[in-house]
Amino acid sequence: MAASGSMPYSIQEEVKPMPSANSTARLEARISTELHAMLKRAAELQGRTMTDFVVLAVQEAAQRAIEQSEVIRLSLADQECFAQGLLSPPEPTPALERAFARRRELLNTK
């Protein structure tokens, strides 16, 4: 067959299914009957199913836990001190200058 730019075969990429937006996983927990009754009552008061109530509560708790771990909160005085340090940094100490010189040596940079 002559080389004409068309191939006698086709190349097909492997198509992997995209995870659906409604993908779910199961979570099970053993709880006391008292807690079960409390969750059921709270869900009913909000007009939700117990599953919806628990999922929303767990999601909110997870978001709070992640935020508390990742977000640094500073007092107004600390914010001002931080901003001032960025705007007018102090002169480098001799130890910092030695550290930068050592870094330049190790990385062979100028």
PDB file of N, CA and C in Angstrom:
ATOM      1  N   MET A   1       0.841  -1.169   0.000  1.00  0.00           N
ATOM      2  CA  MET A   1       0.000   0.000   0.000  1.00  0.00           C
ATOM      3  C   MET A   1       0.894   1.242   0.000  1.00  0.00           C
ATOM      4  N   ALA A   2       0.544   2.233  -0.753  1.00  0.00           N
ATOM      5  CA  ALA A   2       1.336   3.446  -0.870  1.00  0.00           C
ATOM      6  C   ALA A   2       1.100   4.333   0.339  1.00  0.00           C
ATOM      7  N   ALA A   3       2.138   5.078   0.692  1.00  0.00           N
ATOM      8  CA  ALA A   3       1.996   6.018   1.806  1.00  0.00           C
ATOM      9  C   ALA A   3       1.231   7.228   1.312  1.00  0.00           C
ATOM     10  N   SER A   4       0.003   7.325   1.700  1.00  0.00           N
ATOM     11  CA  SER A   4      -0.830   8.408   1.208  1.00  0.00           C
ATOM     12  C   SER A   4      -1.343   9.315   2.311  1.00  0.00           C
ATOM     13  N   GLY A   5      -0.935   9.079   3.493  1.00  0.00           N
ATOM     14  CA  GLY A   5      -1.406   9.901   4.594  1.00  0.00           C
ATOM     15  C   GLY A   5      -2.567   9.279   5.333  1.00  0.00           C
ATOM     16  N   SER A   6      -3.228   8.318   4.757  1.00  0.00           N
ATOM     17  CA  SER A   6      -4.289   7.626   5.483  1.00  0.00           C
ATOM     18  C   SER A   6      -3.759   6.282   5.922  1.00  0.00           C
ATOM     19  N   MET A   7      -4.195   5.829   7.011  1.00  0.00           N
ATOM     20  CA  MET A   7      -3.689   4.564   7.545  1.00  0.00           C
ATOM     21  C   MET A   7      -4.715   3.474   7.325  1.00  0.00           C
ATOM     22  N   PRO A   8      -4.251   2.264   7.157  1.00  0.00           N
ATOM     23  CA  PRO A   8      -5.186   1.159   6.947  1.00  0.00           C
ATOM     24  C   PRO A   8      -5.846   0.692   8.235  1.00  0.00           C
ATOM     25  N   TYR A   9      -5.564   1.354   9.306  1.00  0.00           N
ATOM     26  CA  TYR A   9      -6.138   0.987  10.599  1.00  0.00           C
ATOM     27  C   TYR A   9      -6.432   2.256  11.368  1.00  0.00           C
ATOM     28  N   SER A  10      -7.207   2.148  12.383  1.00  0.00           N
ATOM     29  CA  SER A  10      -7.502   3.317  13.197  1.00  0.00           C
ATOM     30  C   SER A  10      -6.956   3.103  14.596  1.00  0.00           C
ATOM     31  N   ILE A  11      -6.596   4.184  15.229  1.00  0.00           N
ATOM     32  CA  ILE A  11      -6.112   4.140  16.609  1.00  0.00           C
ATOM     33  C   ILE A  11      -7.237   4.661  17.482  1.00  0.00           C
ATOM     34  N   GLN A  12      -7.655   3.848  18.411  1.00  0.00           N
ATOM     35  CA  GLN A  12      -8.719   4.267  19.310  1.00  0.00           C
ATOM     36  C   GLN A  12      -8.158   4.411  20.712  1.00  0.00           C
ATOM     37  N   GLU A  13      -8.498   5.511  21.345  1.00  0.00           N
ATOM     38  CA  GLU A  13      -8.078   5.709  22.726  1.00  0.00           C
ATOM     39  C   GLU A  13      -9.000   4.931  23.645  1.00  0.00           C
ATOM     40  N   GLU A  14      -8.418   4.455  24.732  1.00  0.00           N
ATOM     41  CA  GLU A  14      -9.232   3.792  25.730  1.00  0.00           C
ATOM     42  C   GLU A  14     -10.109   4.832  26.400  1.00  0.00           C
ATOM     43  N   VAL A  15     -11.380   4.619  26.403  1.00  0.00           N
ATOM     44  CA  VAL A  15     -12.314   5.554  27.003  1.00  0.00           C
ATOM     45  C   VAL A  15     -12.686   5.040  28.380  1.00  0.00           C
ATOM     46  N   LYS A  16     -12.373   5.851  29.388  1.00  0.00           N
ATOM     47  CA  LYS A  16     -12.717   5.484  30.756  1.00  0.00           C
ATOM     48  C   LYS A  16     -13.980   6.229  31.137  1.00  0.00           C
ATOM     49  N   PRO A  17     -14.912   5.562  31.765  1.00  0.00           N
ATOM     50  CA  PRO A  17     -16.135   6.263  32.143  1.00  0.00           C
ATOM     51  C   PRO A  17     -15.843   7.347  33.174  1.00  0.00           C
ATOM     52  N   MET A  18     -16.476   8.482  32.978  1.00  0.00           N
ATOM     53  CA  MET A  18     -16.350   9.586  33.935  1.00  0.00           C
ATOM     54  C   MET A  18     -17.190   9.249  35.157  1.00  0.00           C
ATOM     55  N   PRO A  19     -16.684   9.566  36.350  1.00  0.00           N
ATOM     56  CA  PRO A  19     -17.522   9.327  37.531  1.00  0.00           C
ATOM     57  C   PRO A  19     -18.745  10.236  37.449  1.00  0.00           C
ATOM     58  N   SER A  20     -19.883   9.673  37.723  1.00  0.00           N
ATOM     59  CA  SER A  20     -21.099  10.470  37.621  1.00  0.00           C
ATOM     60  C   SER A  20     -21.165  11.449  38.790  1.00  0.00           C
ATOM     61  N   ALA A  21     -21.907  12.502  38.573  1.00  0.00           N
ATOM     62  CA  ALA A  21     -22.060  13.506  39.621  1.00  0.00           C
ATOM     63  C   ALA A  21     -22.800  12.922  40.818  1.00  0.00           C
ATOM     64  N   ASN A  22     -23.491  11.828  40.611  1.00  0.00           N
ATOM     65  CA  ASN A  22     -24.269  11.217  41.679  1.00  0.00           C
ATOM     66  C   ASN A  22     -23.575   9.999  42.276  1.00  0.00           C
ATOM     67  N   SER A  23     -22.249   9.891  42.115  1.00  0.00           N
ATOM     68  CA  SER A  23     -21.525   8.777  42.714  1.00  0.00           C
ATOM     69  C   SER A  23     -21.733   8.813  44.220  1.00  0.00           C
ATOM     70  N   THR A  24     -21.905   7.669  44.801  1.00  0.00           N
ATOM     71  CA  THR A  24     -22.131   7.614  46.238  1.00  0.00           C
ATOM     72  C   THR A  24     -21.256   6.541  46.868  1.00  0.00           C
ATOM     73  N   ALA A  25     -21.092   6.655  48.138  1.00  0.00           N
ATOM     74  CA  ALA A  25     -20.405   5.653  48.944  1.00  0.00           C
ATOM     75  C   ALA A  25     -21.249   5.444  50.188  1.00  0.00           C
ATOM     76  N   ARG A  26     -21.121   4.295  50.750  1.00  0.00           N
ATOM     77  CA  ARG A  26     -21.932   3.975  51.917  1.00  0.00           C
ATOM     78  C   ARG A  26     -21.129   4.207  53.191  1.00  0.00           C
ATOM     79  N   LEU A  27     -21.793   4.728  54.200  1.00  0.00           N
ATOM     80  CA  LEU A  27     -21.195   4.946  55.514  1.00  0.00           C
ATOM     81  C   LEU A  27     -22.133   4.326  56.548  1.00  0.00           C
ATOM     82  N   GLU A  28     -21.581   3.531  57.415  1.00  0.00           N
ATOM     83  CA  GLU A  28     -22.394   2.919  58.466  1.00  0.00           C
ATOM     84  C   GLU A  28     -21.775   3.243  59.819  1.00  0.00           C
ATOM     85  N   ALA A  29     -22.617   3.381  60.800  1.00  0.00           N
ATOM     86  CA  ALA A  29     -22.132   3.651  62.151  1.00  0.00           C
ATOM     87  C   ALA A  29     -23.089   3.035  63.160  1.00  0.00           C
ATOM     88  N   ARG A  30     -22.547   2.510  64.198  1.00  0.00           N
ATOM     89  CA  ARG A  30     -23.359   2.000  65.299  1.00  0.00           C
ATOM     90  C   ARG A  30     -23.526   3.119  66.308  1.00  0.00           C
ATOM     91  N   ILE A  31     -24.776   3.417  66.637  1.00  0.00           N
ATOM     92  CA  ILE A  31     -25.054   4.483  67.603  1.00  0.00           C
ATOM     93  C   ILE A  31     -26.049   3.971  68.628  1.00  0.00           C
ATOM     94  N   SER A  32     -26.094   4.649  69.741  1.00  0.00           N
ATOM     95  CA  SER A  32     -27.030   4.240  70.791  1.00  0.00           C
ATOM     96  C   SER A  32     -28.461   4.513  70.342  1.00  0.00           C
ATOM     97  N   THR A  33     -29.384   3.832  70.953  1.00  0.00           N
ATOM     98  CA  THR A  33     -30.790   4.060  70.611  1.00  0.00           C
ATOM     99  C   THR A  33     -31.217   5.471  70.995  1.00  0.00           C
ATOM    100  N   GLU A  34     -30.620   6.015  72.047  1.00  0.00           N
ATOM    101  CA  GLU A  34     -30.947   7.388  72.443  1.00  0.00           C
ATOM    102  C   GLU A  34     -30.500   8.389  71.380  1.00  0.00           C
ATOM    103  N   LEU A  35     -29.296   8.211  70.858  1.00  0.00           N
ATOM    104  CA  LEU A  35     -28.804   9.101  69.819  1.00  0.00           C
ATOM    105  C   LEU A  35     -29.633   8.936  68.546  1.00  0.00           C
ATOM    106  N   HIS A  36     -29.991   7.708  68.232  1.00  0.00           N
ATOM    107  CA  HIS A  36     -30.826   7.448  67.050  1.00  0.00           C
ATOM    108  C   HIS A  36     -32.148   8.202  67.172  1.00  0.00           C
ATOM    109  N   ALA A  37     -32.768   8.126  68.334  1.00  0.00           N
ATOM    110  CA  ALA A  37     -34.041   8.822  68.554  1.00  0.00           C
ATOM    111  C   ALA A  37     -33.857  10.334  68.445  1.00  0.00           C
ATOM    112  N   MET A  38     -32.747  10.851  68.968  1.00  0.00           N
ATOM    113  CA  MET A  38     -32.484  12.284  68.894  1.00  0.00           C
ATOM    114  C   MET A  38     -32.298  12.733  67.439  1.00  0.00           C
ATOM    115  N   LEU A  39     -31.539  11.963  66.675  1.00  0.00           N
ATOM    116  CA  LEU A  39     -31.322  12.305  65.266  1.00  0.00           C
ATOM    117  C   LEU A  39     -32.627  12.251  64.483  1.00  0.00           C
ATOM    118  N   LYS A  40     -33.428  11.226  64.775  1.00  0.00           N
ATOM    119  CA  LYS A  40     -34.710  11.092  64.095  1.00  0.00           C
ATOM    120  C   LYS A  40     -35.611  12.282  64.401  1.00  0.00           C
ATOM    121  N   ARG A  41     -35.664  12.684  65.657  1.00  0.00           N
ATOM    122  CA  ARG A  41     -36.501  13.827  66.050  1.00  0.00           C
ATOM    123  C   ARG A  41     -36.009  15.120  65.408  1.00  0.00           C
ATOM    124  N   ALA A  42     -34.700  15.333  65.429  1.00  0.00           N
ATOM    125  CA  ALA A  42     -34.134  16.546  64.829  1.00  0.00           C
ATOM    126  C   ALA A  42     -34.421  16.595  63.329  1.00  0.00           C
ATOM    127  N   ALA A  43     -34.294  15.454  62.663  1.00  0.00           N
ATOM    128  CA  ALA A  43     -34.580  15.404  61.230  1.00  0.00           C
ATOM    129  C   ALA A  43     -36.043  15.728  60.964  1.00  0.00           C
ATOM    130  N   GLU A  44     -36.923  15.166  61.766  1.00  0.00           N
ATOM    131  CA  GLU A  44     -38.353  15.429  61.599  1.00  0.00           C
ATOM    132  C   GLU A  44     -38.675  16.909  61.819  1.00  0.00           C
ATOM    133  N   LEU A  45     -38.035  17.525  62.812  1.00  0.00           N
ATOM    134  CA  LEU A  45     -38.263  18.943  63.090  1.00  0.00           C
ATOM    135  C   LEU A  45     -37.852  19.830  61.912  1.00  0.00           C
ATOM    136  N   GLN A  46     -36.845  19.379  61.155  1.00  0.00           N
ATOM    137  CA  GLN A  46     -36.401  20.148  59.993  1.00  0.00           C
ATOM    138  C   GLN A  46     -37.062  19.689  58.700  1.00  0.00           C
ATOM    139  N   GLY A  47     -37.937  18.703  58.803  1.00  0.00           N
ATOM    140  CA  GLY A  47     -38.618  18.209  57.608  1.00  0.00           C
ATOM    141  C   GLY A  47     -37.698  17.465  56.664  1.00  0.00           C
ATOM    142  N   ARG A  48     -36.702  16.811  57.202  1.00  0.00           N
ATOM    143  CA  ARG A  48     -35.732  16.062  56.398  1.00  0.00           C
ATOM    144  C   ARG A  48     -35.817  14.586  56.729  1.00  0.00           C
ATOM    145  N   THR A  49     -35.249  13.798  55.826  1.00  0.00           N
ATOM    146  CA  THR A  49     -35.078  12.392  56.179  1.00  0.00           C
ATOM    147  C   THR A  49     -33.902  12.321  57.145  1.00  0.00           C
ATOM    148  N   MET A  50     -33.824  11.250  57.874  1.00  0.00           N
ATOM    149  CA  MET A  50     -32.719  11.104  58.810  1.00  0.00           C
ATOM    150  C   MET A  50     -31.393  11.051  58.045  1.00  0.00           C
ATOM    151  N   THR A  51     -31.373  10.395  56.897  1.00  0.00           N
ATOM    152  CA  THR A  51     -30.153  10.334  56.097  1.00  0.00           C
ATOM    153  C   THR A  51     -29.713  11.729  55.677  1.00  0.00           C
ATOM    154  N   ASP A  52     -30.653  12.534  55.150  1.00  0.00           N
ATOM    155  CA  ASP A  52     -30.311  13.894  54.737  1.00  0.00           C
ATOM    156  C   ASP A  52     -29.792  14.707  55.918  1.00  0.00           C
ATOM    157  N   PHE A  53     -30.444  14.566  57.056  1.00  0.00           N
ATOM    158  CA  PHE A  53     -30.043  15.307  58.249  1.00  0.00           C
ATOM    159  C   PHE A  53     -28.620  14.936  58.660  1.00  0.00           C
ATOM    160  N   VAL A  54     -28.347  13.650  58.731  1.00  0.00           N
ATOM    161  CA  VAL A  54     -27.029  13.181  59.171  1.00  0.00           C
ATOM    162  C   VAL A  54     -25.955  13.569  58.160  1.00  0.00           C
ATOM    163  N   VAL A  55     -26.236  13.406  56.864  1.00  0.00           N
ATOM    164  CA  VAL A  55     -25.241  13.747  55.843  1.00  0.00           C
ATOM    165  C   VAL A  55     -24.905  15.231  55.906  1.00  0.00           C
ATOM    166  N   LEU A  56     -25.910  16.081  56.033  1.00  0.00           N
ATOM    167  CA  LEU A  56     -25.662  17.519  56.115  1.00  0.00           C
ATOM    168  C   LEU A  56     -24.860  17.862  57.365  1.00  0.00           C
ATOM    169  N   ALA A  57     -25.219  17.280  58.484  1.00  0.00           N
ATOM    170  CA  ALA A  57     -24.503  17.561  59.737  1.00  0.00           C
ATOM    171  C   ALA A  57     -23.048  17.102  59.651  1.00  0.00           C
ATOM    172  N   VAL A  58     -22.825  15.943  59.087  1.00  0.00           N
ATOM    173  CA  VAL A  58     -21.459  15.419  58.962  1.00  0.00           C
ATOM    174  C   VAL A  58     -20.655  16.278  57.986  1.00  0.00           C
ATOM    175  N   GLN A  59     -21.283  16.695  56.894  1.00  0.00           N
ATOM    176  CA  GLN A  59     -20.590  17.530  55.917  1.00  0.00           C
ATOM    177  C   GLN A  59     -20.181  18.868  56.547  1.00  0.00           C
ATOM    178  N   GLU A  60     -21.087  19.486  57.288  1.00  0.00           N
ATOM    179  CA  GLU A  60     -20.767  20.756  57.951  1.00  0.00           C
ATOM    180  C   GLU A  60     -19.648  20.577  58.977  1.00  0.00           C
ATOM    181  N   ALA A  61     -19.689  19.482  59.716  1.00  0.00           N
ATOM    182  CA  ALA A  61     -18.639  19.220  60.708  1.00  0.00           C
ATOM    183  C   ALA A  61     -17.294  18.991  60.024  1.00  0.00           C
ATOM    184  N   ALA A  62     -17.297  18.292  58.911  1.00  0.00           N
ATOM    185  CA  ALA A  62     -16.055  18.044  58.169  1.00  0.00           C
ATOM    186  C   ALA A  62     -15.494  19.349  57.620  1.00  0.00           C
ATOM    187  N   GLN A  63     -16.343  20.201  57.067  1.00  0.00           N
ATOM    188  CA  GLN A  63     -15.885  21.486  56.550  1.00  0.00           C
ATOM    189  C   GLN A  63     -15.284  22.341  57.662  1.00  0.00           C
ATOM    190  N   ARG A  64     -15.922  22.351  58.832  1.00  0.00           N
ATOM    191  CA  ARG A  64     -15.390  23.111  59.974  1.00  0.00           C
ATOM    192  C   ARG A  64     -14.018  22.575  60.396  1.00  0.00           C
ATOM    193  N   ALA A  65     -13.894  21.252  60.460  1.00  0.00           N
ATOM    194  CA  ALA A  65     -12.630  20.642  60.879  1.00  0.00           C
ATOM    195  C   ALA A  65     -11.509  20.978  59.898  1.00  0.00           C
ATOM    196  N   ILE A  66     -11.810  20.926  58.608  1.00  0.00           N
ATOM    197  CA  ILE A  66     -10.803  21.246  57.597  1.00  0.00           C
ATOM    198  C   ILE A  66     -10.434  22.717  57.670  1.00  0.00           C
ATOM    199  N   GLU A  67     -11.429  23.573  57.800  1.00  0.00           N
ATOM    200  CA  GLU A  67     -11.165  25.011  57.894  1.00  0.00           C
ATOM    201  C   GLU A  67     -10.312  25.332  59.113  1.00  0.00           C
ATOM    202  N   GLN A  68     -10.623  24.733  60.256  1.00  0.00           N
ATOM    203  CA  GLN A  68      -9.856  24.989  61.473  1.00  0.00           C
ATOM    204  C   GLN A  68      -8.409  24.552  61.318  1.00  0.00           C
ATOM    205  N   SER A  69      -8.188  23.540  60.497  1.00  0.00           N
ATOM    206  CA  SER A  69      -6.845  23.032  60.296  1.00  0.00           C
ATOM    207  C   SER A  69      -6.076  23.837  59.253  1.00  0.00           C
ATOM    208  N   GLU A  70      -6.772  24.410  58.262  1.00  0.00           N
ATOM    209  CA  GLU A  70      -6.099  25.062  57.150  1.00  0.00           C
ATOM    210  C   GLU A  70      -6.088  26.584  57.219  1.00  0.00           C
ATOM    211  N   VAL A  71      -7.007  27.184  57.931  1.00  0.00           N
ATOM    212  CA  VAL A  71      -7.115  28.634  57.964  1.00  0.00           C
ATOM    213  C   VAL A  71      -6.477  29.167  59.239  1.00  0.00           C
ATOM    214  N   ILE A  72      -5.607  30.149  59.063  1.00  0.00           N
ATOM    215  CA  ILE A  72      -4.961  30.775  60.212  1.00  0.00           C
ATOM    216  C   ILE A  72      -5.714  32.066  60.509  1.00  0.00           C
ATOM    217  N   ARG A  73      -6.199  32.188  61.706  1.00  0.00           N
ATOM    218  CA  ARG A  73      -6.921  33.388  62.109  1.00  0.00           C
ATOM    219  C   ARG A  73      -6.018  34.214  63.032  1.00  0.00           C
ATOM    220  N   LEU A  74      -5.928  35.486  62.711  1.00  0.00           N
ATOM    221  CA  LEU A  74      -5.087  36.381  63.497  1.00  0.00           C
ATOM    222  C   LEU A  74      -5.927  37.484  64.114  1.00  0.00           C
ATOM    223  N   SER A  75      -5.507  37.931  65.279  1.00  0.00           N
ATOM    224  CA  SER A  75      -6.151  39.089  65.888  1.00  0.00           C
ATOM    225  C   SER A  75      -5.825  40.312  65.022  1.00  0.00           C
ATOM    226  N   LEU A  76      -6.535  41.396  65.230  1.00  0.00           N
ATOM    227  CA  LEU A  76      -6.280  42.616  64.468  1.00  0.00           C
ATOM    228  C   LEU A  76      -4.843  43.087  64.670  1.00  0.00           C
ATOM    229  N   ALA A  77      -4.362  43.011  65.885  1.00  0.00           N
ATOM    230  CA  ALA A  77      -2.976  43.425  66.167  1.00  0.00           C
ATOM    231  C   ALA A  77      -1.984  42.531  65.429  1.00  0.00           C
ATOM    232  N   ASP A  78      -2.242  41.222  65.415  1.00  0.00           N
ATOM    233  CA  ASP A  78      -1.355  40.300  64.704  1.00  0.00           C
ATOM    234  C   ASP A  78      -1.406  40.524  63.194  1.00  0.00           C
ATOM    235  N   GLN A  79      -2.597  40.851  62.655  1.00  0.00           N
ATOM    236  CA  GLN A  79      -2.724  41.138  61.231  1.00  0.00           C
ATOM    237  C   GLN A  79      -1.882  42.360  60.867  1.00  0.00           C
ATOM    238  N   GLU A  80      -1.962  43.396  61.704  1.00  0.00           N
ATOM    239  CA  GLU A  80      -1.203  44.616  61.446  1.00  0.00           C
ATOM    240  C   GLU A  80       0.299  44.351  61.523  1.00  0.00           C
ATOM    241  N   CYS A  81       0.712  43.551  62.482  1.00  0.00           N
ATOM    242  CA  CYS A  81       2.126  43.212  62.631  1.00  0.00           C
ATOM    243  C   CYS A  81       2.607  42.419  61.411  1.00  0.00           C
ATOM    244  N   PHE A  82       1.815  41.486  60.950  1.00  0.00           N
ATOM    245  CA  PHE A  82       2.174  40.677  59.782  1.00  0.00           C
ATOM    246  C   PHE A  82       2.289  41.559  58.544  1.00  0.00           C
ATOM    247  N   ALA A  83       1.299  42.425  58.329  1.00  0.00           N
ATOM    248  CA  ALA A  83       1.309  43.314  57.172  1.00  0.00           C
ATOM    249  C   ALA A  83       2.520  44.248  57.236  1.00  0.00           C
ATOM    250  N   GLN A  84       2.822  44.767  58.397  1.00  0.00           N
ATOM    251  CA  GLN A  84       3.965  45.658  58.544  1.00  0.00           C
ATOM    252  C   GLN A  84       5.266  44.924  58.222  1.00  0.00           C
ATOM    253  N   GLY A  85       5.357  43.678  58.624  1.00  0.00           N
ATOM    254  CA  GLY A  85       6.541  42.874  58.315  1.00  0.00           C
ATOM    255  C   GLY A  85       6.705  42.649  56.824  1.00  0.00           C
ATOM    256  N   LEU A  86       5.598  42.522  56.109  1.00  0.00           N
ATOM    257  CA  LEU A  86       5.668  42.369  54.654  1.00  0.00           C
ATOM    258  C   LEU A  86       6.028  43.682  53.969  1.00  0.00           C
ATOM    259  N   LEU A  87       5.455  44.780  54.470  1.00  0.00           N
ATOM    260  CA  LEU A  87       5.677  46.082  53.840  1.00  0.00           C
ATOM    261  C   LEU A  87       7.055  46.656  54.150  1.00  0.00           C
ATOM    262  N   SER A  88       7.534  46.414  55.353  1.00  0.00           N
ATOM    263  CA  SER A  88       8.841  46.937  55.768  1.00  0.00           C
ATOM    264  C   SER A  88       9.612  45.842  56.486  1.00  0.00           C
ATOM    265  N   PRO A  89      10.138  44.888  55.732  1.00  0.00           N
ATOM    266  CA  PRO A  89      10.839  43.781  56.400  1.00  0.00           C
ATOM    267  C   PRO A  89      12.115  44.268  57.080  1.00  0.00           C
ATOM    268  N   PRO A  90      12.482  43.635  58.183  1.00  0.00           N
ATOM    269  CA  PRO A  90      13.718  44.037  58.868  1.00  0.00           C
ATOM    270  C   PRO A  90      14.933  43.612  58.035  1.00  0.00           C
ATOM    271  N   GLU A  91      16.078  44.221  58.329  1.00  0.00           N
ATOM    272  CA  GLU A  91      17.317  43.840  57.659  1.00  0.00           C
ATOM    273  C   GLU A  91      17.641  42.387  58.020  1.00  0.00           C
ATOM    274  N   PRO A  92      18.188  41.621  57.069  1.00  0.00           N
ATOM    275  CA  PRO A  92      18.526  40.227  57.377  1.00  0.00           C
ATOM    276  C   PRO A  92      19.628  40.139  58.435  1.00  0.00           C
ATOM    277  N   THR A  93      19.490  39.174  59.296  1.00  0.00           N
ATOM    278  CA  THR A  93      20.507  38.954  60.334  1.00  0.00           C
ATOM    279  C   THR A  93      21.707  38.248  59.707  1.00  0.00           C
ATOM    280  N   PRO A  94      22.849  38.269  60.385  1.00  0.00           N
ATOM    281  CA  PRO A  94      24.015  37.550  59.845  1.00  0.00           C
ATOM    282  C   PRO A  94      23.727  36.062  59.619  1.00  0.00           C
ATOM    283  N   ALA A  95      22.966  35.448  60.501  1.00  0.00           N
ATOM    284  CA  ALA A  95      22.644  34.024  60.331  1.00  0.00           C
ATOM    285  C   ALA A  95      21.813  33.805  59.068  1.00  0.00           C
ATOM    286  N   LEU A  96      20.880  34.706  58.788  1.00  0.00           N
ATOM    287  CA  LEU A  96      20.060  34.578  57.580  1.00  0.00           C
ATOM    288  C   LEU A  96      20.919  34.780  56.336  1.00  0.00           C
ATOM    289  N   GLU A  97      21.841  35.735  56.378  1.00  0.00           N
ATOM    290  CA  GLU A  97      22.726  35.962  55.235  1.00  0.00           C
ATOM    291  C   GLU A  97      23.601  34.738  54.988  1.00  0.00           C
ATOM    292  N   ARG A  98      24.107  34.097  56.058  1.00  0.00           N
ATOM    293  CA  ARG A  98      24.904  32.869  55.892  1.00  0.00           C
ATOM    294  C   ARG A  98      24.052  31.755  55.298  1.00  0.00           C
ATOM    295  N   ALA A  99      22.798  31.663  55.728  1.00  0.00           N
ATOM    296  CA  ALA A  99      21.896  30.631  55.202  1.00  0.00           C
ATOM    297  C   ALA A  99      21.648  30.844  53.705  1.00  0.00           C
ATOM    298  N   PHE A 100      21.444  32.099  53.299  1.00  0.00           N
ATOM    299  CA  PHE A 100      21.240  32.373  51.879  1.00  0.00           C
ATOM    300  C   PHE A 100      22.505  32.075  51.064  1.00  0.00           C
ATOM    301  N   ALA A 101      23.663  32.422  51.626  1.00  0.00           N
ATOM    302  CA  ALA A 101      24.919  32.133  50.930  1.00  0.00           C
ATOM    303  C   ALA A 101      25.102  30.629  50.763  1.00  0.00           C
ATOM    304  N   ARG A 102      24.801  29.882  51.805  1.00  0.00           N
ATOM    305  CA  ARG A 102      24.919  28.409  51.736  1.00  0.00           C
ATOM    306  C   ARG A 102      23.944  27.850  50.708  1.00  0.00           C
ATOM    307  N   ARG A 103      22.745  28.400  50.640  1.00  0.00           N
ATOM    308  CA  ARG A 103      21.751  27.960  49.659  1.00  0.00           C
ATOM    309  C   ARG A 103      22.255  28.213  48.242  1.00  0.00           C
ATOM    310  N   ARG A 104      22.832  29.392  48.021  1.00  0.00           N
ATOM    311  CA  ARG A 104      23.374  29.718  46.697  1.00  0.00           C
ATOM    312  C   ARG A 104      24.468  28.729  46.313  1.00  0.00           C
ATOM    313  N   GLU A 105      25.336  28.394  47.277  1.00  0.00           N
ATOM    314  CA  GLU A 105      26.409  27.428  47.013  1.00  0.00           C
ATOM    315  C   GLU A 105      25.847  26.065  46.645  1.00  0.00           C
ATOM    316  N   LEU A 106      24.869  25.624  47.398  1.00  0.00           N
ATOM    317  CA  LEU A 106      24.284  24.297  47.159  1.00  0.00           C
ATOM    318  C   LEU A 106      23.557  24.226  45.822  1.00  0.00           C
ATOM    319  N   LEU A 107      22.894  25.312  45.438  1.00  0.00           N
ATOM    320  CA  LEU A 107      22.108  25.313  44.213  1.00  0.00           C
ATOM    321  C   LEU A 107      22.887  25.892  43.023  1.00  0.00           C
ATOM    322  N   ASN A 108      24.119  26.315  43.265  1.00  0.00           N
ATOM    323  CA  ASN A 108      24.945  26.918  42.217  1.00  0.00           C
ATOM    324  C   ASN A 108      24.223  28.060  41.518  1.00  0.00           C
ATOM    325  N   THR A 109      23.633  28.939  42.301  1.00  0.00           N
ATOM    326  CA  THR A 109      22.930  30.098  41.733  1.00  0.00           C
ATOM    327  C   THR A 109      23.633  31.356  42.202  1.00  0.00           C
ATOM    328  N   LYS A 110      23.300  32.464  41.556  1.00  0.00           N
ATOM    329  CA  LYS A 110      23.900  33.755  41.947  1.00  0.00           C
ATOM    330  C   LYS A 110      22.894  34.619  42.602  1.00  0.00           C
TER     331      LYS A 110
END
